PDB file of all heavy atoms in Angstrom:
ATOM      1  N   THR A   1      -2.489  16.706   8.341  1.00  0.00           N
ATOM      2  CA  THR A   1      -2.132  15.346   8.280  1.00  0.00           C
ATOM      3  C   THR A   1      -3.416  14.475   7.912  1.00  0.00           C
ATOM      4  O   THR A   1      -3.402  13.596   7.090  1.00  0.00           O
ATOM      5  CB  THR A   1      -1.625  14.852   9.650  1.00  0.00           C
ATOM      6  OG1 THR A   1      -0.451  15.597   9.944  1.00  0.00           O
ATOM      7  CG2 THR A   1      -1.305  13.373   9.734  1.00  0.00           C
ATOM      8  N   PHE A   2      -4.520  14.787   8.589  1.00  0.00           N
ATOM      9  CA  PHE A   2      -5.688  14.025   8.348  1.00  0.00           C
ATOM     10  C   PHE A   2      -6.290  14.226   6.947  1.00  0.00           C
ATOM     11  O   PHE A   2      -6.862  13.376   6.319  1.00  0.00           O
ATOM     12  CB  PHE A   2      -6.745  14.197   9.453  1.00  0.00           C
ATOM     13  CG  PHE A   2      -6.437  13.593  10.701  1.00  0.00           C
ATOM     14  CD1 PHE A   2      -5.927  14.302  11.782  1.00  0.00           C
ATOM     15  CD2 PHE A   2      -6.606  12.159  10.826  1.00  0.00           C
ATOM     16  CE1 PHE A   2      -5.678  13.662  13.033  1.00  0.00           C
ATOM     17  CE2 PHE A   2      -6.240  11.541  12.100  1.00  0.00           C
ATOM     18  CZ  PHE A   2      -5.769  12.314  13.113  1.00  0.00           C
ATOM     19  N   VAL A   3      -6.180  15.450   6.484  1.00  0.00           N
ATOM     20  CA  VAL A   3      -6.674  15.821   5.097  1.00  0.00           C
ATOM     21  C   VAL A   3      -5.913  14.984   3.996  1.00  0.00           C
ATOM     22  O   VAL A   3      -6.413  14.417   3.149  1.00  0.00           O
ATOM     23  CB  VAL A   3      -6.687  17.345   4.914  1.00  0.00           C
ATOM     24  CG1 VAL A   3      -6.899  17.626   3.440  1.00  0.00           C
ATOM     25  CG2 VAL A   3      -7.635  18.054   5.761  1.00  0.00           C
ATOM     26  N   ALA A   4      -4.539  14.987   4.210  1.00  0.00           N
ATOM     27  CA  ALA A   4      -3.663  14.297   3.288  1.00  0.00           C
ATOM     28  C   ALA A   4      -3.993  12.827   3.368  1.00  0.00           C
ATOM     29  O   ALA A   4      -3.979  12.101   2.332  1.00  0.00           O
ATOM     30  CB  ALA A   4      -2.224  14.577   3.599  1.00  0.00           C
ATOM     31  N   LEU A   5      -4.122  12.249   4.623  1.00  0.00           N
ATOM     32  CA  LEU A   5      -4.381  10.795   4.712  1.00  0.00           C
ATOM     33  C   LEU A   5      -5.695  10.422   4.050  1.00  0.00           C
ATOM     34  O   LEU A   5      -5.813   9.378   3.397  1.00  0.00           O
ATOM     35  CB  LEU A   5      -4.452  10.402   6.263  1.00  0.00           C
ATOM     36  CG  LEU A   5      -4.755   8.967   6.524  1.00  0.00           C
ATOM     37  CD1 LEU A   5      -3.726   8.046   5.973  1.00  0.00           C
ATOM     38  CD2 LEU A   5      -4.859   8.832   8.099  1.00  0.00           C
ATOM     39  N   PHE A   6      -6.775  11.268   4.225  1.00  0.00           N
ATOM     40  CA  PHE A   6      -8.039  10.977   3.614  1.00  0.00           C
ATOM     41  C   PHE A   6      -7.952  10.985   2.118  1.00  0.00           C
ATOM     42  O   PHE A   6      -8.460  10.030   1.453  1.00  0.00           O
ATOM     43  CB  PHE A   6      -9.124  12.096   4.022  1.00  0.00           C
ATOM     44  CG  PHE A   6     -10.430  11.998   3.341  1.00  0.00           C
ATOM     45  CD1 PHE A   6     -11.275  10.957   3.747  1.00  0.00           C
ATOM     46  CD2 PHE A   6     -10.756  12.864   2.320  1.00  0.00           C
ATOM     47  CE1 PHE A   6     -12.486  10.884   3.149  1.00  0.00           C
ATOM     48  CE2 PHE A   6     -11.948  12.761   1.727  1.00  0.00           C
ATOM     49  CZ  PHE A   6     -12.856  11.730   2.106  1.00  0.00           C
ATOM     50  N   PHE A   7      -7.311  11.857   1.446  1.00  0.00           N
ATOM     51  CA  PHE A   7      -7.249  11.920   0.045  1.00  0.00           C
ATOM     52  C   PHE A   7      -6.319  10.811  -0.532  1.00  0.00           C
ATOM     53  O   PHE A   7      -6.633  10.262  -1.532  1.00  0.00           O
ATOM     54  CB  PHE A   7      -6.769  13.303  -0.423  1.00  0.00           C
ATOM     55  CG  PHE A   7      -7.852  14.297  -0.467  1.00  0.00           C
ATOM     56  CD1 PHE A   7      -7.924  15.316   0.488  1.00  0.00           C
ATOM     57  CD2 PHE A   7      -8.791  14.335  -1.505  1.00  0.00           C
ATOM     58  CE1 PHE A   7      -8.907  16.218   0.442  1.00  0.00           C
ATOM     59  CE2 PHE A   7      -9.859  15.248  -1.557  1.00  0.00           C
ATOM     60  CZ  PHE A   7      -9.892  16.206  -0.545  1.00  0.00           C
ATOM     61  N   ASN A   8      -5.299  10.545   0.254  1.00  0.00           N
ATOM     62  CA  ASN A   8      -4.521   9.425  -0.214  1.00  0.00           C
ATOM     63  C   ASN A   8      -5.127   8.014  -0.208  1.00  0.00           C
ATOM     64  O   ASN A   8      -5.088   7.215  -1.106  1.00  0.00           O
ATOM     65  CB  ASN A   8      -3.233   9.384   0.691  1.00  0.00           C
ATOM     66  CG  ASN A   8      -2.307  10.541   0.479  1.00  0.00           C
ATOM     67  OD1 ASN A   8      -2.325  11.282  -0.520  1.00  0.00           O
ATOM     68  ND2 ASN A   8      -1.287  10.724   1.408  1.00  0.00           N
ATOM     69  N   LEU A   9      -5.845   7.789   0.882  1.00  0.00           N
ATOM     70  CA  LEU A   9      -6.558   6.491   0.943  1.00  0.00           C
ATOM     71  C   LEU A   9      -7.752   6.435  -0.036  1.00  0.00           C
ATOM     72  O   LEU A   9      -8.052   5.382  -0.584  1.00  0.00           O
ATOM     73  CB  LEU A   9      -7.053   6.322   2.447  1.00  0.00           C
ATOM     74  CG  LEU A   9      -5.993   6.162   3.461  1.00  0.00           C
ATOM     75  CD1 LEU A   9      -6.742   5.891   4.821  1.00  0.00           C
ATOM     76  CD2 LEU A   9      -5.141   4.881   3.126  1.00  0.00           C
ATOM     77  N   LEU A  10      -8.367   7.624  -0.207  1.00  0.00           N
ATOM     78  CA  LEU A  10      -9.484   7.655  -1.218  1.00  0.00           C
ATOM     79  C   LEU A  10      -8.950   7.358  -2.557  1.00  0.00           C
ATOM     80  O   LEU A  10      -9.564   6.633  -3.434  1.00  0.00           O
ATOM     81  CB  LEU A  10     -10.146   9.011  -1.176  1.00  0.00           C
ATOM     82  CG  LEU A  10     -11.250   9.276  -2.109  1.00  0.00           C
ATOM     83  CD1 LEU A  10     -12.472   8.401  -1.795  1.00  0.00           C
ATOM     84  CD2 LEU A  10     -11.719  10.706  -2.139  1.00  0.00           C
ATOM     85  N   THR A  11      -7.751   7.895  -3.030  1.00  0.00           N
ATOM     86  CA  THR A  11      -7.244   7.723  -4.296  1.00  0.00           C
ATOM     87  C   THR A  11      -6.797   6.170  -4.424  1.00  0.00           C
ATOM     88  O   THR A  11      -6.985   5.570  -5.468  1.00  0.00           O
ATOM     89  CB  THR A  11      -5.973   8.581  -4.501  1.00  0.00           C
ATOM     90  OG1 THR A  11      -6.375   9.941  -4.363  1.00  0.00           O
ATOM     91  CG2 THR A  11      -5.475   8.467  -5.906  1.00  0.00           C
ATOM     92  N   LEU A  12      -6.144   5.638  -3.413  1.00  0.00           N
ATOM     93  CA  LEU A  12      -5.611   4.327  -3.511  1.00  0.00           C
ATOM     94  C   LEU A  12      -6.778   3.245  -3.532  1.00  0.00           C
ATOM     95  O   LEU A  12      -6.582   2.167  -4.176  1.00  0.00           O
ATOM     96  CB  LEU A  12      -4.645   4.028  -2.348  1.00  0.00           C
ATOM     97  CG  LEU A  12      -3.387   4.830  -2.387  1.00  0.00           C
ATOM     98  CD1 LEU A  12      -2.594   4.598  -1.050  1.00  0.00           C
ATOM     99  CD2 LEU A  12      -2.480   4.422  -3.544  1.00  0.00           C
ATOM    100  N   LEU A  13      -7.752   3.458  -2.770  1.00  0.00           N
ATOM    101  CA  LEU A  13      -8.755   2.343  -2.566  1.00  0.00           C
ATOM    102  C   LEU A  13      -9.951   2.490  -3.543  1.00  0.00           C
ATOM    103  O   LEU A  13     -10.638   1.532  -3.839  1.00  0.00           O
ATOM    104  CB  LEU A  13      -9.335   2.372  -1.152  1.00  0.00           C
ATOM    105  CG  LEU A  13      -8.198   2.101  -0.089  1.00  0.00           C
ATOM    106  CD1 LEU A  13      -8.834   2.203   1.372  1.00  0.00           C
ATOM    107  CD2 LEU A  13      -7.576   0.778  -0.311  1.00  0.00           C
ATOM    108  N   SER A  14     -10.131   3.754  -4.036  1.00  0.00           N
ATOM    109  CA  SER A  14     -11.372   3.867  -4.879  1.00  0.00           C
ATOM    110  C   SER A  14     -11.053   3.706  -6.366  1.00  0.00           C
ATOM    111  O   SER A  14     -11.971   3.321  -7.168  1.00  0.00           O
ATOM    112  CB  SER A  14     -11.974   5.336  -4.691  1.00  0.00           C
ATOM    113  OG  SER A  14     -10.995   6.345  -5.209  1.00  0.00           O
ATOM    114  N   VAL A  15      -9.806   3.800  -6.770  1.00  0.00           N
ATOM    115  CA  VAL A  15      -9.448   3.772  -8.186  1.00  0.00           C
ATOM    116  C   VAL A  15      -8.651   2.379  -8.358  1.00  0.00           C
ATOM    117  O   VAL A  15      -7.736   2.076  -7.577  1.00  0.00           O
ATOM    118  CB  VAL A  15      -8.559   4.917  -8.611  1.00  0.00           C
ATOM    119  CG1 VAL A  15      -8.099   4.614 -10.095  1.00  0.00           C
ATOM    120  CG2 VAL A  15      -9.313   6.152  -8.375  1.00  0.00           C
ATOM    121  N   LYS A  16      -9.148   1.623  -9.344  1.00  0.00           N
ATOM    122  CA  LYS A  16      -8.501   0.334  -9.662  1.00  0.00           C
ATOM    123  C   LYS A  16      -7.234   0.654 -10.555  1.00  0.00           C
ATOM    124  O   LYS A  16      -7.411   0.729 -11.762  1.00  0.00           O
ATOM    125  CB  LYS A  16      -9.414  -0.618 -10.284  1.00  0.00           C
ATOM    126  CG  LYS A  16      -8.839  -1.943 -10.484  1.00  0.00           C
ATOM    127  CD  LYS A  16      -9.829  -2.930 -11.155  1.00  0.00           C
ATOM    128  CE  LYS A  16      -9.301  -4.359 -11.271  1.00  0.00           C
ATOM    129  NZ  LYS A  16     -10.220  -5.308 -11.964  1.00  0.00           N
ATOM    130  N   ASN A  17      -6.100   0.663  -9.905  1.00  0.00           N
ATOM    131  CA  ASN A  17      -4.879   1.007 -10.648  1.00  0.00           C
ATOM    132  C   ASN A  17      -4.159  -0.335 -11.026  1.00  0.00           C
ATOM    133  O   ASN A  17      -3.495  -0.920 -10.157  1.00  0.00           O
ATOM    134  CB  ASN A  17      -3.943   1.874  -9.805  1.00  0.00           C
ATOM    135  CG  ASN A  17      -2.911   2.518 -10.721  1.00  0.00           C
ATOM    136  OD1 ASN A  17      -2.552   2.039 -11.747  1.00  0.00           O
ATOM    137  ND2 ASN A  17      -2.520   3.783 -10.243  1.00  0.00           N
ATOM    138  N   LYS A  18      -4.371  -0.852 -12.255  1.00  0.00           N
ATOM    139  CA  LYS A  18      -3.820  -2.145 -12.626  1.00  0.00           C
ATOM    140  C   LYS A  18      -2.337  -2.198 -12.579  1.00  0.00           C
ATOM    141  O   LYS A  18      -1.707  -3.158 -12.024  1.00  0.00           O
ATOM    142  CB  LYS A  18      -4.381  -2.465 -13.995  1.00  0.00           C
ATOM    143  CG  LYS A  18      -3.809  -3.829 -14.489  1.00  0.00           C
ATOM    144  CD  LYS A  18      -4.293  -4.109 -15.928  1.00  0.00           C
ATOM    145  CE  LYS A  18      -3.699  -5.303 -16.455  1.00  0.00           C
ATOM    146  NZ  LYS A  18      -4.130  -5.590 -17.846  1.00  0.00           N
ATOM    147  N   PRO A  19      -1.559  -1.263 -13.131  1.00  0.00           N
ATOM    148  CA  PRO A  19      -0.077  -1.372 -13.116  1.00  0.00           C
ATOM    149  C   PRO A  19       0.492  -1.329 -11.692  1.00  0.00           C
ATOM    150  O   PRO A  19       1.340  -2.220 -11.397  1.00  0.00           O
ATOM    151  CB  PRO A  19       0.325  -0.131 -13.968  1.00  0.00           C
ATOM    152  CG  PRO A  19      -0.809   0.267 -14.717  1.00  0.00           C
ATOM    153  CD  PRO A  19      -1.924  -0.076 -13.927  1.00  0.00           C
ATOM    154  N   PHE A  20       0.109  -0.422 -10.764  1.00  0.00           N
ATOM    155  CA  PHE A  20       0.632  -0.462  -9.448  1.00  0.00           C
ATOM    156  C   PHE A  20       0.180  -1.646  -8.639  1.00  0.00           C
ATOM    157  O   PHE A  20       0.982  -2.111  -7.814  1.00  0.00           O
ATOM    158  CB  PHE A  20       0.327   0.882  -8.798  1.00  0.00           C
ATOM    159  CG  PHE A  20       1.231   1.977  -9.117  1.00  0.00           C
ATOM    160  CD1 PHE A  20       0.881   2.992  -9.998  1.00  0.00           C
ATOM    161  CD2 PHE A  20       2.509   2.027  -8.506  1.00  0.00           C
ATOM    162  CE1 PHE A  20       1.687   4.019 -10.316  1.00  0.00           C
ATOM    163  CE2 PHE A  20       3.414   3.141  -8.854  1.00  0.00           C
ATOM    164  CZ  PHE A  20       3.008   4.042  -9.755  1.00  0.00           C
ATOM    165  N   ALA A  21      -1.011  -2.150  -8.946  1.00  0.00           N
ATOM    166  CA  ALA A  21      -1.464  -3.275  -8.232  1.00  0.00           C
ATOM    167  C   ALA A  21      -0.613  -4.551  -8.556  1.00  0.00           C
ATOM    168  O   ALA A  21      -0.285  -5.305  -7.744  1.00  0.00           O
ATOM    169  CB  ALA A  21      -2.877  -3.556  -8.466  1.00  0.00           C
ATOM    170  N   TYR A  22      -0.229  -4.654  -9.832  1.00  0.00           N
ATOM    171  CA  TYR A  22       0.552  -5.813 -10.277  1.00  0.00           C
ATOM    172  C   TYR A  22       2.000  -5.577  -9.687  1.00  0.00           C
ATOM    173  O   TYR A  22       2.551  -6.592  -9.224  1.00  0.00           O
ATOM    174  CB  TYR A  22       0.634  -5.794 -11.796  1.00  0.00           C
ATOM    175  CG  TYR A  22       1.435  -6.968 -12.382  1.00  0.00           C
ATOM    176  CD1 TYR A  22       0.819  -8.175 -12.567  1.00  0.00           C
ATOM    177  CD2 TYR A  22       2.771  -6.844 -12.664  1.00  0.00           C
ATOM    178  CE1 TYR A  22       1.483  -9.259 -13.128  1.00  0.00           C
ATOM    179  CE2 TYR A  22       3.553  -7.838 -13.214  1.00  0.00           C
ATOM    180  CZ  TYR A  22       2.830  -9.151 -13.369  1.00  0.00           C
ATOM    181  OH  TYR A  22       3.660 -10.174 -13.888  1.00  0.00           O
ATOM    182  N   VAL A  23       2.533  -4.370  -9.755  1.00  0.00           N
ATOM    183  CA  VAL A  23       3.882  -4.250  -9.266  1.00  0.00           C
ATOM    184  C   VAL A  23       3.967  -4.477  -7.809  1.00  0.00           C
ATOM    185  O   VAL A  23       4.983  -5.049  -7.295  1.00  0.00           O
ATOM    186  CB  VAL A  23       4.414  -2.777  -9.571  1.00  0.00           C
ATOM    187  CG1 VAL A  23       5.695  -2.455  -8.995  1.00  0.00           C
ATOM    188  CG2 VAL A  23       4.455  -2.645 -11.101  1.00  0.00           C
ATOM    189  N   SER A  24       3.050  -4.063  -7.003  1.00  0.00           N
ATOM    190  CA  SER A  24       3.049  -4.248  -5.574  1.00  0.00           C
ATOM    191  C   SER A  24       2.953  -5.709  -5.144  1.00  0.00           C
ATOM    192  O   SER A  24       3.548  -6.099  -4.125  1.00  0.00           O
ATOM    193  CB  SER A  24       1.907  -3.471  -4.955  1.00  0.00           C
ATOM    194  OG  SER A  24       0.609  -3.987  -5.426  1.00  0.00           O
ATOM    195  N   GLU A  25       2.388  -6.598  -5.996  1.00  0.00           N
ATOM    196  CA  GLU A  25       2.345  -7.911  -5.737  1.00  0.00           C
ATOM    197  C   GLU A  25       3.585  -8.721  -6.253  1.00  0.00           C
ATOM    198  O   GLU A  25       4.076  -9.706  -5.602  1.00  0.00           O
ATOM    199  CB  GLU A  25       1.082  -8.587  -6.351  1.00  0.00           C
ATOM    200  CG  GLU A  25      -0.173  -8.076  -5.735  1.00  0.00           C
ATOM    201  CD  GLU A  25      -1.471  -8.619  -6.358  1.00  0.00           C
ATOM    202  OE1 GLU A  25      -1.243  -9.453  -7.353  1.00  0.00           O
ATOM    203  OE2 GLU A  25      -2.585  -8.263  -5.979  1.00  0.00           O
ATOM    204  N   ALA A  26       4.081  -8.343  -7.438  1.00  0.00           N
ATOM    205  CA  ALA A  26       5.171  -8.974  -8.061  1.00  0.00           C
ATOM    206  C   ALA A  26       6.570  -8.615  -7.526  1.00  0.00           C
ATOM    207  O   ALA A  26       7.487  -9.406  -7.450  1.00  0.00           O
ATOM    208  CB  ALA A  26       5.195  -8.745  -9.626  1.00  0.00           C
ATOM    209  N   ALA A  27       6.704  -7.378  -7.027  1.00  0.00           N
ATOM    210  CA  ALA A  27       7.979  -6.918  -6.536  1.00  0.00           C
ATOM    211  C   ALA A  27       8.220  -7.488  -5.184  1.00  0.00           C
ATOM    212  O   ALA A  27       7.336  -7.982  -4.410  1.00  0.00           O
ATOM    213  CB  ALA A  27       7.968  -5.305  -6.471  1.00  0.00           C
ATOM    214  N   SER A  28       9.500  -7.469  -4.780  1.00  0.00           N
ATOM    215  CA  SER A  28       9.888  -7.981  -3.472  1.00  0.00           C
ATOM    216  C   SER A  28       9.385  -7.049  -2.362  1.00  0.00           C
ATOM    217  O   SER A  28       9.173  -5.923  -2.594  1.00  0.00           O
ATOM    218  CB  SER A  28      11.399  -8.105  -3.402  1.00  0.00           C
ATOM    219  OG  SER A  28      12.054  -6.861  -3.659  1.00  0.00           O
ATOM    220  N   SER A  29       9.260  -7.592  -1.154  1.00  0.00           N
ATOM    221  CA  SER A  29       8.861  -6.792  -0.048  1.00  0.00           C
ATOM    222  C   SER A  29       9.856  -5.797   0.388  1.00  0.00           C
ATOM    223  O   SER A  29      11.078  -6.055   0.421  1.00  0.00           O
ATOM    224  CB  SER A  29       8.403  -7.758   1.136  1.00  0.00           C
ATOM    225  OG  SER A  29       7.458  -8.710   0.628  1.00  0.00           O
ATOM    226  N   SER A  30       9.308  -4.677   0.895  1.00  0.00           N
ATOM    227  CA  SER A  30      10.251  -3.662   1.481  1.00  0.00           C
ATOM    228  C   SER A  30      10.494  -4.004   2.850  1.00  0.00           C
ATOM    229  O   SER A  30       9.913  -4.877   3.434  1.00  0.00           O
ATOM    230  CB  SER A  30       9.513  -2.336   1.277  1.00  0.00           C
ATOM    231  OG  SER A  30       8.396  -2.277   2.087  1.00  0.00           O
ATOM    232  N   TRP A  31      11.508  -3.344   3.477  1.00  0.00           N
ATOM    233  CA  TRP A  31      11.887  -3.592   4.916  1.00  0.00           C
ATOM    234  C   TRP A  31      10.668  -3.179   5.810  1.00  0.00           C
ATOM    235  O   TRP A  31      10.409  -3.819   6.848  1.00  0.00           O
ATOM    236  CB  TRP A  31      13.157  -2.817   5.288  1.00  0.00           C
ATOM    237  CG  TRP A  31      12.944  -1.392   5.172  1.00  0.00           C
ATOM    238  CD1 TRP A  31      13.241  -0.529   4.098  1.00  0.00           C
ATOM    239  CD2 TRP A  31      12.546  -0.447   6.222  1.00  0.00           C
ATOM    240  NE1 TRP A  31      13.048   0.745   4.390  1.00  0.00           N
ATOM    241  CE2 TRP A  31      12.600   0.858   5.706  1.00  0.00           C
ATOM    242  CE3 TRP A  31      12.198  -0.626   7.580  1.00  0.00           C
ATOM    243  CZ2 TRP A  31      12.285   1.954   6.501  1.00  0.00           C
ATOM    244  CZ3 TRP A  31      11.871   0.523   8.316  1.00  0.00           C
ATOM    245  CH2 TRP A  31      11.927   1.754   7.743  1.00  0.00           C
ATOM    246  N   LEU A  32       9.905  -2.220   5.424  1.00  0.00           N
ATOM    247  CA  LEU A  32       8.818  -1.903   6.245  1.00  0.00           C
ATOM    248  C   LEU A  32       7.634  -2.910   6.298  1.00  0.00           C
ATOM    249  O   LEU A  32       7.080  -3.214   7.271  1.00  0.00           O
ATOM    250  CB  LEU A  32       8.155  -0.531   5.808  1.00  0.00           C
ATOM    251  CG  LEU A  32       6.965   0.031   6.474  1.00  0.00           C
ATOM    252  CD1 LEU A  32       7.420   0.375   7.984  1.00  0.00           C
ATOM    253  CD2 LEU A  32       6.380   1.336   5.872  1.00  0.00           C
ATOM    254  N   GLN A  33       7.447  -3.522   5.094  1.00  0.00           N
ATOM    255  CA  GLN A  33       6.418  -4.610   4.987  1.00  0.00           C
ATOM    256  C   GLN A  33       6.958  -5.907   5.788  1.00  0.00           C
ATOM    257  O   GLN A  33       6.106  -6.497   6.378  1.00  0.00           O
ATOM    258  CB  GLN A  33       6.230  -5.018   3.511  1.00  0.00           C
ATOM    259  CG  GLN A  33       5.319  -4.016   2.764  1.00  0.00           C
ATOM    260  CD  GLN A  33       5.235  -4.522   1.318  1.00  0.00           C
ATOM    261  OE1 GLN A  33       6.232  -4.526   0.510  1.00  0.00           O
ATOM    262  NE2 GLN A  33       3.984  -4.877   0.968  1.00  0.00           N
ATOM    263  N   GLU A  34       8.278  -6.087   5.806  1.00  0.00           N
ATOM    264  CA  GLU A  34       8.740  -7.264   6.509  1.00  0.00           C
ATOM    265  C   GLU A  34       8.525  -7.072   7.975  1.00  0.00           C
ATOM    266  O   GLU A  34       8.146  -8.028   8.695  1.00  0.00           O
ATOM    267  CB  GLU A  34      10.185  -7.438   6.208  1.00  0.00           C
ATOM    268  CG  GLU A  34      10.489  -7.805   4.796  1.00  0.00           C
ATOM    269  CD  GLU A  34       9.936  -9.252   4.452  1.00  0.00           C
ATOM    270  OE1 GLU A  34       9.765 -10.076   5.336  1.00  0.00           O
ATOM    271  OE2 GLU A  34       9.662  -9.512   3.224  1.00  0.00           O
ATOM    272  N   HIS A  35       8.808  -5.876   8.551  1.00  0.00           N
ATOM    273  CA  HIS A  35       8.627  -5.622   9.953  1.00  0.00           C
ATOM    274  C   HIS A  35       7.200  -5.712  10.348  1.00  0.00           C
ATOM    275  O   HIS A  35       6.856  -6.234  11.416  1.00  0.00           O
ATOM    276  CB  HIS A  35       9.276  -4.304  10.379  1.00  0.00           C
ATOM    277  CG  HIS A  35      10.726  -4.354  10.382  1.00  0.00           C
ATOM    278  ND1 HIS A  35      11.516  -5.104  11.168  1.00  0.00           N
ATOM    279  CD2 HIS A  35      11.664  -3.625   9.475  1.00  0.00           C
ATOM    280  CE1 HIS A  35      12.828  -4.949  10.989  1.00  0.00           C
ATOM    281  NE2 HIS A  35      12.914  -4.054   9.963  1.00  0.00           N
ATOM    282  N   VAL A  36       6.356  -5.085   9.530  1.00  0.00           N
ATOM    283  CA  VAL A  36       4.919  -5.086   9.878  1.00  0.00           C
ATOM    284  C   VAL A  36       4.348  -6.531   9.742  1.00  0.00           C
ATOM    285  O   VAL A  36       3.446  -6.871  10.479  1.00  0.00           O
ATOM    286  CB  VAL A  36       4.138  -4.192   8.903  1.00  0.00           C
ATOM    287  CG1 VAL A  36       2.673  -4.250   9.081  1.00  0.00           C
ATOM    288  CG2 VAL A  36       4.554  -2.707   9.226  1.00  0.00           C
ATOM    289  N   ALA A  37       4.872  -7.320   8.823  1.00  0.00           N
ATOM    290  CA  ALA A  37       4.454  -8.720   8.642  1.00  0.00           C
ATOM    291  C   ALA A  37       4.748  -9.498   9.914  1.00  0.00           C
ATOM    292  O   ALA A  37       3.936 -10.356  10.355  1.00  0.00           O
ATOM    293  CB  ALA A  37       5.004  -9.330   7.407  1.00  0.00           C
ATOM    294  N   ASP A  38       5.932  -9.310  10.554  1.00  0.00           N
ATOM    295  CA  ASP A  38       6.261 -10.006  11.777  1.00  0.00           C
ATOM    296  C   ASP A  38       5.421  -9.614  12.948  1.00  0.00           C
ATOM    297  O   ASP A  38       4.858 -10.501  13.714  1.00  0.00           O
ATOM    298  CB  ASP A  38       7.699  -9.576  12.160  1.00  0.00           C
ATOM    299  CG  ASP A  38       8.726 -10.195  11.157  1.00  0.00           C
ATOM    300  OD1 ASP A  38       8.385 -11.176  10.385  1.00  0.00           O
ATOM    301  OD2 ASP A  38       9.861  -9.680  11.033  1.00  0.00           O
ATOM    302  N   LEU A  39       4.991  -8.311  13.058  1.00  0.00           N
ATOM    303  CA  LEU A  39       4.098  -7.851  14.029  1.00  0.00           C
ATOM    304  C   LEU A  39       2.712  -8.419  13.793  1.00  0.00           C
ATOM    305  O   LEU A  39       2.011  -8.699  14.660  1.00  0.00           O
ATOM    306  CB  LEU A  39       4.052  -6.336  14.108  1.00  0.00           C
ATOM    307  CG  LEU A  39       5.307  -5.661  14.638  1.00  0.00           C
ATOM    308  CD1 LEU A  39       5.163  -4.160  14.466  1.00  0.00           C
ATOM    309  CD2 LEU A  39       5.670  -6.099  15.978  1.00  0.00           C
ATOM    310  N   SER A  40       2.296  -8.540  12.456  1.00  0.00           N
ATOM    311  CA  SER A  40       0.981  -9.039  12.106  1.00  0.00           C
ATOM    312  C   SER A  40       0.860 -10.433  12.499  1.00  0.00           C
ATOM    313  O   SER A  40      -0.293 -10.893  12.935  1.00  0.00           O
ATOM    314  CB  SER A  40       0.735  -8.812  10.647  1.00  0.00           C
ATOM    315  OG  SER A  40       0.765  -7.384  10.300  1.00  0.00           O
ATOM    316  N   ARG A  41       1.889 -11.277  12.365  1.00  0.00           N
ATOM    317  CA  ARG A  41       1.747 -12.633  12.721  1.00  0.00           C
ATOM    318  C   ARG A  41       1.533 -12.854  14.219  1.00  0.00           C
ATOM    319  O   ARG A  41       0.765 -13.748  14.689  1.00  0.00           O
ATOM    320  CB  ARG A  41       3.061 -13.438  12.320  1.00  0.00           C
ATOM    321  CG  ARG A  41       3.188 -13.585  10.764  1.00  0.00           C
ATOM    322  CD  ARG A  41       4.390 -14.445  10.350  1.00  0.00           C
ATOM    323  NE  ARG A  41       4.738 -14.338   8.916  1.00  0.00           N
ATOM    324  CZ  ARG A  41       5.488 -13.629   8.313  1.00  0.00           C
ATOM    325  NH1 ARG A  41       6.230 -12.743   9.047  1.00  0.00           N
ATOM    326  NH2 ARG A  41       5.702 -13.690   7.032  1.00  0.00           N
TER     327      ARG A  41
END
């Protein structure tokens, strides 16, 4: 679990992925994002 989490975060945060960064901002929020946003507020 920790090995997979390390490599996943390293790939997402170290590489500037322009297409997925644009899609993640332009697309609508998922139900997981909505629930986490309520907890974050």
